[in-house]
Amino acid sequence: MTDLAAGLQRDEDGVVRCWWPGTLPLYVEYHDTEWGRPLADDTRLFEKICLEGFQSGLSWITILKKRPAFRAAFAGFDIEALNAFGPADVERLMGDAGIVRHRGKIESVLNNARRARALKDEFGSIARFVWRFEPDDADRPAVMDHATALSMPRSKASEAMSKELRKRGWSFVGATTLYAFMQSSGLVNDHLEGCAIRPVCEAARSAFKRP
């Protein structure tokens, strides 16, 4: 159809969405039911940070397809369970063809699990720390269109979160990685204007009780 703004697509049922999931069912489901929904569960937040780190240099759909294998390999991203992992587990994971076998990223998950425990001790929860970086409306674009989305691989808020986590010893938490994390965890709503899911996420964010 030619009446859609740049960056939008309409499926055969007439539903208008952002361009990036294409028509792949797994990706469309992720776009429709997960990306941009506010999240406060510490395990899932930690998982998202870890998987965004694994995504660096790869496509997100690659990671999404492997997410069940990642969850199986990393004890469901349970922080306490991961704190019991050691060098033998790193070697085991390096032999796991179901995940991305990158030693630095695997070791980062175990390092960050230790740092996450300290973060929970300091702030009470990972969620409480993370949601401190939700940007004010004044710091957000007036209109989220395709050009704006493409021009925002990072933000002041993601840079600030990156700085704080790096100071606490976290790794693979650059500002671009953390902006993707903020998008997926609902700290921002970057669904394009005109996407059917944008108002759904706005409603969810309005009803969400910040930690």
N, C-alpha and C. Protein backbone atom coordinates (compact mmCIF):
# COMPACT_ATOMS: atom_id res chain seq x y z
N MET A 1 0.84 -1.18 0.00
CA MET A 1 0.00 0.00 0.00
C MET A 1 0.88 1.24 0.00
N THR A 2 0.43 2.27 -0.63
CA THR A 2 1.24 3.48 -0.76
C THR A 2 0.85 4.55 0.23
N ASP A 3 -0.16 4.30 1.08
CA ASP A 3 -0.62 5.33 2.01
C ASP A 3 0.10 5.28 3.35
N LEU A 4 1.02 4.36 3.52
CA LEU A 4 1.71 4.22 4.78
C LEU A 4 2.94 5.12 4.84
N ALA A 5 3.20 5.66 6.02
CA ALA A 5 4.42 6.44 6.22
C ALA A 5 5.63 5.52 6.17
N ALA A 6 6.78 6.09 5.93
CA ALA A 6 8.01 5.31 5.88
C ALA A 6 8.21 4.55 7.19
N GLY A 7 8.65 3.31 7.07
CA GLY A 7 8.92 2.50 8.24
C GLY A 7 7.75 1.70 8.76
N LEU A 8 6.60 1.81 8.10
CA LEU A 8 5.43 1.04 8.50
C LEU A 8 5.08 0.01 7.44
N GLN A 9 4.49 -1.09 7.87
CA GLN A 9 4.04 -2.13 6.95
C GLN A 9 2.67 -2.60 7.39
N ARG A 10 1.88 -3.06 6.42
CA ARG A 10 0.54 -3.57 6.72
C ARG A 10 0.50 -5.04 6.34
N ASP A 11 0.04 -5.89 7.28
CA ASP A 11 -0.04 -7.31 6.96
C ASP A 11 -1.33 -7.63 6.22
N GLU A 12 -1.52 -8.89 5.88
CA GLU A 12 -2.67 -9.27 5.06
C GLU A 12 -3.99 -9.09 5.78
N ASP A 13 -3.94 -8.97 7.13
CA ASP A 13 -5.15 -8.72 7.90
C ASP A 13 -5.39 -7.24 8.12
N GLY A 14 -4.52 -6.41 7.56
CA GLY A 14 -4.69 -4.97 7.68
C GLY A 14 -4.02 -4.34 8.88
N VAL A 15 -3.29 -5.12 9.67
CA VAL A 15 -2.62 -4.59 10.86
C VAL A 15 -1.34 -3.86 10.44
N VAL A 16 -1.19 -2.64 10.91
CA VAL A 16 -0.02 -1.83 10.58
C VAL A 16 1.01 -1.94 11.71
N ARG A 17 2.24 -2.22 11.34
CA ARG A 17 3.32 -2.40 12.31
C ARG A 17 4.58 -1.66 11.86
N CYS A 18 5.53 -1.60 12.79
CA CYS A 18 6.86 -1.14 12.45
C CYS A 18 7.46 -2.08 11.40
N TRP A 19 8.44 -1.58 10.69
CA TRP A 19 9.03 -2.33 9.57
C TRP A 19 9.90 -3.49 9.99
N TRP A 20 10.54 -3.39 11.15
CA TRP A 20 11.68 -4.26 11.43
C TRP A 20 11.38 -5.75 11.66
N PRO A 21 10.18 -6.16 12.11
CA PRO A 21 9.99 -7.61 12.23
C PRO A 21 9.69 -8.30 10.91
N GLY A 22 9.44 -7.52 9.85
CA GLY A 22 9.08 -8.14 8.59
C GLY A 22 7.83 -8.98 8.73
N THR A 23 7.85 -10.17 8.17
CA THR A 23 6.69 -11.06 8.25
C THR A 23 7.01 -12.37 8.97
N LEU A 24 8.20 -12.48 9.54
CA LEU A 24 8.58 -13.70 10.25
C LEU A 24 7.74 -13.84 11.51
N PRO A 25 6.96 -14.93 11.65
CA PRO A 25 6.02 -15.04 12.78
C PRO A 25 6.66 -14.83 14.15
N LEU A 26 7.83 -15.41 14.40
CA LEU A 26 8.48 -15.27 15.69
C LEU A 26 8.81 -13.81 15.98
N TYR A 27 9.27 -13.10 14.94
CA TYR A 27 9.66 -11.71 15.10
C TYR A 27 8.42 -10.81 15.26
N VAL A 28 7.37 -11.12 14.52
CA VAL A 28 6.12 -10.36 14.64
C VAL A 28 5.54 -10.53 16.04
N GLU A 29 5.57 -11.76 16.56
CA GLU A 29 5.06 -12.00 17.91
C GLU A 29 5.86 -11.21 18.94
N TYR A 30 7.18 -11.19 18.78
CA TYR A 30 8.04 -10.42 19.69
C TYR A 30 7.68 -8.94 19.63
N HIS A 31 7.53 -8.42 18.43
CA HIS A 31 7.15 -7.02 18.24
C HIS A 31 5.81 -6.72 18.89
N ASP A 32 4.85 -7.61 18.71
CA ASP A 32 3.48 -7.34 19.16
C ASP A 32 3.27 -7.55 20.64
N THR A 33 3.98 -8.48 21.25
CA THR A 33 3.65 -8.88 22.62
C THR A 33 4.73 -8.60 23.64
N GLU A 34 5.92 -8.19 23.22
CA GLU A 34 7.03 -8.05 24.17
C GLU A 34 7.76 -6.72 24.05
N TRP A 35 8.19 -6.36 22.86
CA TRP A 35 9.03 -5.18 22.67
C TRP A 35 8.27 -3.91 23.04
N GLY A 36 8.81 -3.16 23.97
CA GLY A 36 8.16 -1.92 24.39
C GLY A 36 7.22 -2.05 25.57
N ARG A 37 6.97 -3.29 26.03
CA ARG A 37 6.10 -3.48 27.20
C ARG A 37 6.92 -3.28 28.48
N PRO A 38 6.46 -2.50 29.43
CA PRO A 38 7.25 -2.24 30.65
C PRO A 38 7.44 -3.51 31.47
N LEU A 39 8.64 -3.66 31.98
CA LEU A 39 9.04 -4.90 32.64
C LEU A 39 9.71 -4.57 33.97
N ALA A 40 9.35 -5.33 35.01
CA ALA A 40 9.93 -5.09 36.33
C ALA A 40 10.50 -6.36 36.96
N ASP A 41 10.43 -7.48 36.27
CA ASP A 41 10.93 -8.74 36.80
C ASP A 41 12.46 -8.79 36.67
N ASP A 42 13.15 -8.96 37.79
CA ASP A 42 14.61 -8.89 37.78
C ASP A 42 15.26 -9.94 36.88
N THR A 43 14.74 -11.15 36.90
CA THR A 43 15.33 -12.21 36.09
C THR A 43 15.22 -11.89 34.61
N ARG A 44 14.04 -11.44 34.19
CA ARG A 44 13.84 -11.12 32.78
C ARG A 44 14.63 -9.87 32.37
N LEU A 45 14.75 -8.90 33.27
CA LEU A 45 15.57 -7.72 32.96
C LEU A 45 17.03 -8.13 32.80
N PHE A 46 17.51 -8.98 33.71
CA PHE A 46 18.90 -9.44 33.60
C PHE A 46 19.10 -10.22 32.31
N GLU A 47 18.15 -11.08 31.98
CA GLU A 47 18.23 -11.82 30.72
C GLU A 47 18.34 -10.88 29.53
N LYS A 48 17.51 -9.85 29.51
CA LYS A 48 17.53 -8.93 28.38
C LYS A 48 18.87 -8.21 28.26
N ILE A 49 19.43 -7.79 29.39
CA ILE A 49 20.75 -7.16 29.33
C ILE A 49 21.78 -8.13 28.75
N CYS A 50 21.76 -9.36 29.22
CA CYS A 50 22.72 -10.37 28.74
C CYS A 50 22.53 -10.65 27.25
N LEU A 51 21.29 -10.84 26.83
CA LEU A 51 21.05 -11.18 25.43
C LEU A 51 21.34 -10.00 24.50
N GLU A 52 21.09 -8.78 24.96
CA GLU A 52 21.48 -7.63 24.15
C GLU A 52 23.00 -7.58 24.01
N GLY A 53 23.72 -8.00 25.04
CA GLY A 53 25.17 -8.08 24.93
C GLY A 53 25.60 -9.13 23.93
N PHE A 54 24.93 -10.28 23.92
CA PHE A 54 25.23 -11.31 22.93
C PHE A 54 24.91 -10.83 21.52
N GLN A 55 23.90 -9.97 21.40
CA GLN A 55 23.47 -9.50 20.08
C GLN A 55 24.52 -8.62 19.41
N SER A 56 25.39 -8.00 20.19
CA SER A 56 26.38 -7.08 19.63
C SER A 56 27.12 -7.72 18.45
N GLY A 57 27.01 -7.09 17.28
CA GLY A 57 27.64 -7.60 16.08
C GLY A 57 26.80 -8.60 15.31
N LEU A 58 25.62 -8.94 15.84
CA LEU A 58 24.74 -9.91 15.20
C LEU A 58 23.36 -9.28 15.03
N SER A 59 22.45 -10.00 14.39
CA SER A 59 21.08 -9.52 14.27
C SER A 59 20.28 -10.00 15.47
N TRP A 60 19.28 -9.22 15.88
CA TRP A 60 18.47 -9.63 17.03
C TRP A 60 17.69 -10.89 16.75
N ILE A 61 17.26 -11.09 15.52
CA ILE A 61 16.48 -12.29 15.23
C ILE A 61 17.32 -13.55 15.45
N THR A 62 18.64 -13.45 15.24
CA THR A 62 19.53 -14.58 15.52
C THR A 62 19.46 -14.94 17.00
N ILE A 63 19.50 -13.93 17.85
CA ILE A 63 19.44 -14.15 19.29
C ILE A 63 18.06 -14.64 19.70
N LEU A 64 17.02 -14.07 19.12
CA LEU A 64 15.66 -14.45 19.48
C LEU A 64 15.41 -15.93 19.17
N LYS A 65 15.89 -16.38 18.03
CA LYS A 65 15.73 -17.79 17.68
C LYS A 65 16.45 -18.71 18.66
N LYS A 66 17.57 -18.22 19.21
CA LYS A 66 18.37 -19.02 20.13
C LYS A 66 17.98 -18.83 21.59
N ARG A 67 17.00 -17.95 21.86
CA ARG A 67 16.69 -17.63 23.25
C ARG A 67 16.35 -18.85 24.09
N PRO A 68 15.55 -19.80 23.61
CA PRO A 68 15.30 -20.99 24.44
C PRO A 68 16.59 -21.73 24.80
N ALA A 69 17.52 -21.81 23.86
CA ALA A 69 18.80 -22.48 24.14
C ALA A 69 19.63 -21.68 25.14
N PHE A 70 19.60 -20.36 25.01
CA PHE A 70 20.30 -19.51 25.98
C PHE A 70 19.72 -19.72 27.38
N ARG A 71 18.41 -19.77 27.49
CA ARG A 71 17.78 -19.95 28.79
C ARG A 71 18.17 -21.29 29.41
N ALA A 72 18.21 -22.33 28.58
CA ALA A 72 18.60 -23.64 29.08
C ALA A 72 20.07 -23.65 29.51
N ALA A 73 20.91 -22.98 28.75
CA ALA A 73 22.35 -22.98 29.02
C ALA A 73 22.70 -22.17 30.26
N PHE A 74 21.96 -21.08 30.49
CA PHE A 74 22.30 -20.15 31.57
C PHE A 74 21.29 -20.20 32.72
N ALA A 75 20.77 -21.38 32.99
CA ALA A 75 19.91 -21.60 34.17
C ALA A 75 18.75 -20.61 34.23
N GLY A 76 18.17 -20.34 33.06
CA GLY A 76 17.05 -19.41 33.01
C GLY A 76 17.41 -17.99 33.36
N PHE A 77 18.72 -17.69 33.37
CA PHE A 77 19.25 -16.38 33.76
C PHE A 77 18.93 -16.04 35.21
N ASP A 78 18.77 -17.08 36.01
CA ASP A 78 18.60 -16.90 37.45
C ASP A 78 19.94 -16.44 38.04
N ILE A 79 19.94 -15.29 38.67
CA ILE A 79 21.18 -14.68 39.13
C ILE A 79 21.89 -15.54 40.17
N GLU A 80 21.14 -16.09 41.11
CA GLU A 80 21.76 -16.90 42.16
C GLU A 80 22.36 -18.17 41.57
N ALA A 81 21.65 -18.79 40.66
CA ALA A 81 22.18 -20.00 40.03
C ALA A 81 23.44 -19.70 39.25
N LEU A 82 23.47 -18.58 38.55
CA LEU A 82 24.64 -18.22 37.76
C LEU A 82 25.84 -17.89 38.64
N ASN A 83 25.59 -17.43 39.85
CA ASN A 83 26.70 -17.15 40.76
C ASN A 83 27.44 -18.41 41.17
N ALA A 84 26.84 -19.58 40.94
CA ALA A 84 27.50 -20.85 41.25
C ALA A 84 28.29 -21.39 40.07
N PHE A 85 28.18 -20.76 38.90
CA PHE A 85 28.92 -21.21 37.73
C PHE A 85 30.40 -20.87 37.89
N GLY A 86 31.25 -21.71 37.28
CA GLY A 86 32.68 -21.50 37.34
C GLY A 86 33.35 -21.77 36.01
N PRO A 87 34.69 -21.88 36.01
CA PRO A 87 35.43 -22.09 34.76
C PRO A 87 34.98 -23.32 33.97
N ALA A 88 34.61 -24.40 34.65
CA ALA A 88 34.16 -25.60 33.94
C ALA A 88 32.87 -25.33 33.17
N ASP A 89 32.03 -24.47 33.73
CA ASP A 89 30.79 -24.12 33.04
C ASP A 89 31.08 -23.28 31.80
N VAL A 90 32.07 -22.42 31.89
CA VAL A 90 32.45 -21.63 30.70
C VAL A 90 32.87 -22.56 29.58
N GLU A 91 33.69 -23.56 29.89
CA GLU A 91 34.13 -24.50 28.86
C GLU A 91 32.95 -25.30 28.31
N ARG A 92 32.05 -25.69 29.20
CA ARG A 92 30.84 -26.41 28.75
C ARG A 92 30.03 -25.56 27.79
N LEU A 93 29.86 -24.29 28.14
CA LEU A 93 29.06 -23.39 27.31
C LEU A 93 29.76 -23.11 25.98
N MET A 94 31.08 -23.11 25.98
CA MET A 94 31.81 -22.90 24.73
C MET A 94 31.58 -24.06 23.75
N GLY A 95 31.12 -25.19 24.27
CA GLY A 95 30.82 -26.33 23.41
C GLY A 95 29.35 -26.47 23.07
N ASP A 96 28.54 -25.51 23.50
CA ASP A 96 27.09 -25.57 23.28
C ASP A 96 26.75 -24.89 21.96
N ALA A 97 26.41 -25.69 20.96
CA ALA A 97 26.13 -25.15 19.62
C ALA A 97 24.82 -24.39 19.56
N GLY A 98 24.00 -24.49 20.60
CA GLY A 98 22.71 -23.80 20.58
C GLY A 98 22.79 -22.32 20.88
N ILE A 99 23.93 -21.88 21.44
CA ILE A 99 24.08 -20.48 21.80
C ILE A 99 25.18 -19.84 20.95
N VAL A 100 25.44 -18.57 21.20
CA VAL A 100 26.56 -17.89 20.55
C VAL A 100 27.81 -18.19 21.38
N ARG A 101 28.76 -18.90 20.79
CA ARG A 101 29.93 -19.36 21.55
C ARG A 101 31.05 -18.32 21.46
N HIS A 102 30.88 -17.29 22.23
CA HIS A 102 31.84 -16.20 22.31
C HIS A 102 32.31 -16.14 23.76
N ARG A 103 33.56 -16.48 23.99
CA ARG A 103 34.05 -16.62 25.36
C ARG A 103 33.86 -15.34 26.17
N GLY A 104 34.18 -14.21 25.57
CA GLY A 104 34.04 -12.96 26.29
C GLY A 104 32.62 -12.68 26.72
N LYS A 105 31.67 -13.00 25.86
CA LYS A 105 30.26 -12.74 26.18
C LYS A 105 29.75 -13.74 27.20
N ILE A 106 30.20 -14.98 27.12
CA ILE A 106 29.81 -15.99 28.11
C ILE A 106 30.35 -15.60 29.48
N GLU A 107 31.62 -15.23 29.53
CA GLU A 107 32.21 -14.82 30.81
C GLU A 107 31.55 -13.55 31.34
N SER A 108 31.09 -12.70 30.42
CA SER A 108 30.40 -11.48 30.84
C SER A 108 29.11 -11.79 31.58
N VAL A 109 28.37 -12.79 31.13
CA VAL A 109 27.13 -13.16 31.83
C VAL A 109 27.43 -13.54 33.28
N LEU A 110 28.48 -14.33 33.48
CA LEU A 110 28.81 -14.77 34.84
C LEU A 110 29.33 -13.59 35.68
N ASN A 111 30.13 -12.74 35.07
CA ASN A 111 30.58 -11.54 35.77
C ASN A 111 29.39 -10.66 36.14
N ASN A 112 28.51 -10.44 35.18
CA ASN A 112 27.37 -9.55 35.43
C ASN A 112 26.40 -10.13 36.45
N ALA A 113 26.33 -11.46 36.53
CA ALA A 113 25.47 -12.07 37.55
C ALA A 113 25.99 -11.73 38.95
N ARG A 114 27.31 -11.74 39.10
CA ARG A 114 27.88 -11.36 40.39
C ARG A 114 27.61 -9.88 40.68
N ARG A 115 27.77 -9.06 39.64
CA ARG A 115 27.52 -7.62 39.80
C ARG A 115 26.03 -7.35 40.06
N ALA A 116 25.18 -8.17 39.47
CA ALA A 116 23.74 -7.99 39.67
C ALA A 116 23.34 -8.27 41.11
N ARG A 117 23.97 -9.26 41.71
CA ARG A 117 23.68 -9.54 43.12
C ARG A 117 24.04 -8.32 43.98
N ALA A 118 25.17 -7.70 43.71
CA ALA A 118 25.58 -6.51 44.45
C ALA A 118 24.62 -5.35 44.19
N LEU A 119 24.15 -5.26 42.95
CA LEU A 119 23.22 -4.19 42.60
C LEU A 119 21.91 -4.35 43.36
N LYS A 120 21.44 -5.59 43.48
CA LYS A 120 20.22 -5.86 44.24
C LYS A 120 20.40 -5.51 45.71
N ASP A 121 21.57 -5.80 46.24
CA ASP A 121 21.84 -5.46 47.63
C ASP A 121 21.82 -3.94 47.83
N GLU A 122 22.31 -3.22 46.83
CA GLU A 122 22.42 -1.77 46.94
C GLU A 122 21.07 -1.07 46.75
N PHE A 123 20.29 -1.53 45.75
CA PHE A 123 19.06 -0.82 45.38
C PHE A 123 17.78 -1.55 45.75
N GLY A 124 17.91 -2.80 46.16
CA GLY A 124 16.72 -3.59 46.49
C GLY A 124 16.26 -4.47 45.36
N SER A 125 16.50 -4.05 44.13
CA SER A 125 16.16 -4.85 42.94
C SER A 125 16.86 -4.25 41.74
N ILE A 126 17.04 -5.08 40.73
CA ILE A 126 17.57 -4.58 39.46
C ILE A 126 16.59 -3.60 38.84
N ALA A 127 15.30 -3.93 38.96
CA ALA A 127 14.27 -3.07 38.38
C ALA A 127 14.33 -1.67 38.95
N ARG A 128 14.54 -1.56 40.25
CA ARG A 128 14.58 -0.24 40.88
C ARG A 128 15.75 0.57 40.34
N PHE A 129 16.87 -0.10 40.10
CA PHE A 129 18.02 0.60 39.51
C PHE A 129 17.72 1.02 38.08
N VAL A 130 17.23 0.08 37.29
CA VAL A 130 17.02 0.32 35.86
C VAL A 130 16.03 1.46 35.62
N TRP A 131 14.92 1.44 36.34
CA TRP A 131 13.87 2.42 36.07
C TRP A 131 14.22 3.84 36.52
N ARG A 132 15.33 3.98 37.24
CA ARG A 132 15.84 5.32 37.54
C ARG A 132 16.25 6.06 36.26
N PHE A 133 16.48 5.30 35.20
CA PHE A 133 16.98 5.89 33.95
C PHE A 133 15.88 6.09 32.90
N GLU A 134 14.64 5.90 33.29
CA GLU A 134 13.55 6.20 32.37
C GLU A 134 13.60 7.70 32.04
N PRO A 135 13.69 8.07 30.77
CA PRO A 135 13.82 9.49 30.44
C PRO A 135 12.53 10.27 30.64
N ASP A 136 12.67 11.54 30.95
CA ASP A 136 11.51 12.43 31.02
C ASP A 136 10.94 12.64 29.62
N ASP A 137 9.65 12.95 29.57
CA ASP A 137 9.02 13.20 28.27
C ASP A 137 9.72 14.32 27.52
N ALA A 138 10.25 15.30 28.25
CA ALA A 138 10.92 16.44 27.60
C ALA A 138 12.19 16.02 26.87
N ASP A 139 12.75 14.87 27.26
CA ASP A 139 13.98 14.39 26.63
C ASP A 139 13.71 13.39 25.51
N ARG A 140 12.45 13.19 25.18
CA ARG A 140 12.07 12.25 24.15
C ARG A 140 11.68 13.00 22.88
N PRO A 141 11.80 12.35 21.71
CA PRO A 141 11.39 13.00 20.46
C PRO A 141 9.90 13.35 20.47
N ALA A 142 9.55 14.46 19.87
CA ALA A 142 8.15 14.86 19.79
C ALA A 142 7.35 13.87 18.95
N VAL A 143 7.97 13.33 17.92
CA VAL A 143 7.34 12.35 17.04
C VAL A 143 8.31 11.21 16.79
N MET A 144 7.86 9.98 16.97
CA MET A 144 8.70 8.82 16.69
C MET A 144 8.35 8.29 15.30
N ASP A 145 9.05 8.83 14.30
CA ASP A 145 8.87 8.34 12.94
C ASP A 145 10.09 7.55 12.53
N HIS A 146 10.10 7.08 11.29
CA HIS A 146 11.17 6.20 10.83
C HIS A 146 12.53 6.88 10.89
N ALA A 147 12.60 8.11 10.42
CA ALA A 147 13.86 8.83 10.41
C ALA A 147 14.39 9.04 11.82
N THR A 148 13.50 9.35 12.74
CA THR A 148 13.91 9.55 14.13
C THR A 148 14.42 8.25 14.73
N ALA A 149 13.72 7.16 14.47
CA ALA A 149 14.13 5.87 15.00
C ALA A 149 15.53 5.49 14.50
N LEU A 150 15.79 5.72 13.23
CA LEU A 150 17.09 5.36 12.66
C LEU A 150 18.21 6.25 13.19
N SER A 151 17.85 7.44 13.66
CA SER A 151 18.87 8.38 14.12
C SER A 151 19.18 8.22 15.61
N MET A 152 18.55 7.26 16.28
CA MET A 152 18.69 7.13 17.74
C MET A 152 19.20 5.75 18.15
N PRO A 153 20.46 5.43 17.87
CA PRO A 153 20.99 4.15 18.34
C PRO A 153 21.33 4.15 19.83
N ARG A 154 21.33 5.33 20.44
CA ARG A 154 21.64 5.48 21.85
C ARG A 154 20.98 6.76 22.35
N SER A 155 21.06 7.02 23.63
CA SER A 155 20.44 8.22 24.19
C SER A 155 21.24 8.67 25.40
N LYS A 156 20.93 9.86 25.90
CA LYS A 156 21.59 10.34 27.11
C LYS A 156 21.31 9.40 28.27
N ALA A 157 20.09 8.89 28.33
CA ALA A 157 19.73 7.98 29.42
C ALA A 157 20.51 6.67 29.33
N SER A 158 20.66 6.12 28.13
CA SER A 158 21.40 4.87 28.00
C SER A 158 22.89 5.09 28.26
N GLU A 159 23.39 6.27 27.91
CA GLU A 159 24.78 6.60 28.21
C GLU A 159 25.00 6.69 29.72
N ALA A 160 24.03 7.28 30.42
CA ALA A 160 24.13 7.39 31.87
C ALA A 160 24.07 6.02 32.53
N MET A 161 23.15 5.16 32.05
CA MET A 161 23.05 3.82 32.62
C MET A 161 24.33 3.03 32.36
N SER A 162 24.86 3.14 31.15
CA SER A 162 26.11 2.46 30.81
C SER A 162 27.24 2.90 31.73
N LYS A 163 27.34 4.18 31.96
CA LYS A 163 28.39 4.71 32.83
C LYS A 163 28.27 4.14 34.23
N GLU A 164 27.05 4.10 34.75
CA GLU A 164 26.83 3.60 36.11
C GLU A 164 27.13 2.11 36.22
N LEU A 165 26.70 1.33 35.22
CA LEU A 165 26.96 -0.11 35.28
C LEU A 165 28.44 -0.42 35.09
N ARG A 166 29.09 0.28 34.20
CA ARG A 166 30.53 0.07 34.02
C ARG A 166 31.29 0.39 35.31
N LYS A 167 30.86 1.44 35.99
CA LYS A 167 31.51 1.82 37.25
C LYS A 167 31.38 0.71 38.28
N ARG A 168 30.29 -0.05 38.16
CA ARG A 168 30.07 -1.16 39.09
C ARG A 168 30.63 -2.48 38.57
N GLY A 169 31.39 -2.44 37.49
CA GLY A 169 32.10 -3.62 37.02
C GLY A 169 31.39 -4.46 35.98
N TRP A 170 30.22 -4.01 35.49
CA TRP A 170 29.52 -4.77 34.46
C TRP A 170 30.28 -4.67 33.14
N SER A 171 30.07 -5.65 32.27
CA SER A 171 30.70 -5.65 30.94
C SER A 171 29.66 -5.88 29.86
N PHE A 172 30.01 -5.54 28.63
CA PHE A 172 29.10 -5.62 27.48
C PHE A 172 27.82 -4.82 27.76
N VAL A 173 28.00 -3.63 28.31
CA VAL A 173 26.87 -2.76 28.62
C VAL A 173 27.13 -1.36 28.06
N GLY A 174 27.46 -1.30 26.77
CA GLY A 174 27.65 -0.02 26.11
C GLY A 174 26.33 0.71 25.95
N ALA A 175 26.42 1.99 25.60
CA ALA A 175 25.22 2.82 25.51
C ALA A 175 24.26 2.34 24.43
N THR A 176 24.78 1.82 23.32
CA THR A 176 23.91 1.32 22.25
C THR A 176 23.20 0.03 22.70
N THR A 177 23.96 -0.86 23.32
CA THR A 177 23.37 -2.09 23.86
C THR A 177 22.27 -1.77 24.86
N LEU A 178 22.51 -0.80 25.72
CA LEU A 178 21.53 -0.49 26.76
C LEU A 178 20.34 0.29 26.21
N TYR A 179 20.52 1.02 25.12
CA TYR A 179 19.34 1.64 24.53
C TYR A 179 18.42 0.58 23.95
N ALA A 180 18.99 -0.43 23.30
CA ALA A 180 18.18 -1.54 22.81
C ALA A 180 17.47 -2.23 23.97
N PHE A 181 18.16 -2.36 25.10
CA PHE A 181 17.56 -2.93 26.30
C PHE A 181 16.40 -2.06 26.79
N MET A 182 16.58 -0.75 26.80
CA MET A 182 15.53 0.17 27.23
C MET A 182 14.31 0.07 26.32
N GLN A 183 14.55 -0.07 25.02
CA GLN A 183 13.44 -0.22 24.07
C GLN A 183 12.66 -1.50 24.35
N SER A 184 13.38 -2.60 24.54
CA SER A 184 12.71 -3.89 24.68
C SER A 184 12.01 -4.01 26.03
N SER A 185 12.51 -3.30 27.05
CA SER A 185 11.96 -3.42 28.39
C SER A 185 10.93 -2.37 28.72
N GLY A 186 10.60 -1.52 27.75
CA GLY A 186 9.52 -0.57 27.94
C GLY A 186 9.89 0.70 28.68
N LEU A 187 11.18 0.95 28.89
CA LEU A 187 11.56 2.22 29.49
C LEU A 187 11.29 3.37 28.52
N VAL A 188 11.25 3.04 27.24
CA VAL A 188 10.82 3.97 26.19
C VAL A 188 9.87 3.22 25.27
N ASN A 189 9.06 3.96 24.57
CA ASN A 189 8.16 3.36 23.58
C ASN A 189 8.60 3.85 22.21
N ASP A 190 9.36 3.02 21.51
CA ASP A 190 9.88 3.41 20.20
C ASP A 190 9.13 2.76 19.04
N HIS A 191 7.96 2.22 19.29
CA HIS A 191 7.09 1.85 18.18
C HIS A 191 6.76 3.13 17.41
N LEU A 192 6.74 3.05 16.10
CA LEU A 192 6.51 4.23 15.30
C LEU A 192 5.08 4.74 15.43
N GLU A 193 4.92 6.03 15.23
CA GLU A 193 3.58 6.60 15.13
C GLU A 193 2.86 5.91 13.96
N GLY A 194 1.68 5.41 14.23
CA GLY A 194 0.93 4.68 13.22
C GLY A 194 0.98 3.18 13.39
N CYS A 195 1.97 2.68 14.17
CA CYS A 195 2.03 1.25 14.47
C CYS A 195 0.90 0.90 15.43
N ALA A 196 0.22 -0.19 15.17
CA ALA A 196 -0.93 -0.59 16.00
C ALA A 196 -0.53 -0.90 17.43
N ILE A 197 0.73 -1.24 17.65
CA ILE A 197 1.16 -1.63 18.99
C ILE A 197 1.60 -0.43 19.82
N ARG A 198 1.88 0.70 19.17
CA ARG A 198 2.34 1.86 19.94
C ARG A 198 1.34 2.27 21.03
N PRO A 199 0.05 2.44 20.74
CA PRO A 199 -0.88 2.83 21.80
C PRO A 199 -1.06 1.75 22.86
N VAL A 200 -0.89 0.50 22.47
CA VAL A 200 -0.98 -0.59 23.44
C VAL A 200 0.15 -0.45 24.47
N CYS A 201 1.35 -0.16 23.97
CA CYS A 201 2.49 0.01 24.87
C CYS A 201 2.34 1.28 25.70
N GLU A 202 1.78 2.32 25.12
CA GLU A 202 1.56 3.55 25.87
C GLU A 202 0.62 3.30 27.02
N ALA A 203 -0.44 2.55 26.77
CA ALA A 203 -1.40 2.22 27.83
C ALA A 203 -0.74 1.37 28.92
N ALA A 204 0.09 0.43 28.49
CA ALA A 204 0.78 -0.42 29.46
C ALA A 204 1.75 0.39 30.31
N ARG A 205 2.43 1.33 29.69
CA ARG A 205 3.36 2.18 30.43
C ARG A 205 2.60 3.10 31.40
N SER A 206 1.44 3.58 30.99
CA SER A 206 0.65 4.44 31.86
C SER A 206 0.16 3.68 33.10
N ALA A 207 -0.17 2.40 32.91
CA ALA A 207 -0.70 1.60 34.01
C ALA A 207 0.40 0.97 34.87
N PHE A 208 1.62 1.02 34.38
CA PHE A 208 2.74 0.34 35.04
C PHE A 208 3.12 1.05 36.32
N LYS A 209 3.30 0.29 37.39
CA LYS A 209 3.77 0.83 38.66
C LYS A 209 5.29 0.76 38.70
N ARG A 210 5.91 1.93 38.65
CA ARG A 210 7.38 1.97 38.66
C ARG A 210 7.92 1.41 39.97
N PRO A 211 9.00 0.63 39.89
CA PRO A 211 9.58 0.05 41.12
C PRO A 211 10.10 1.14 42.06
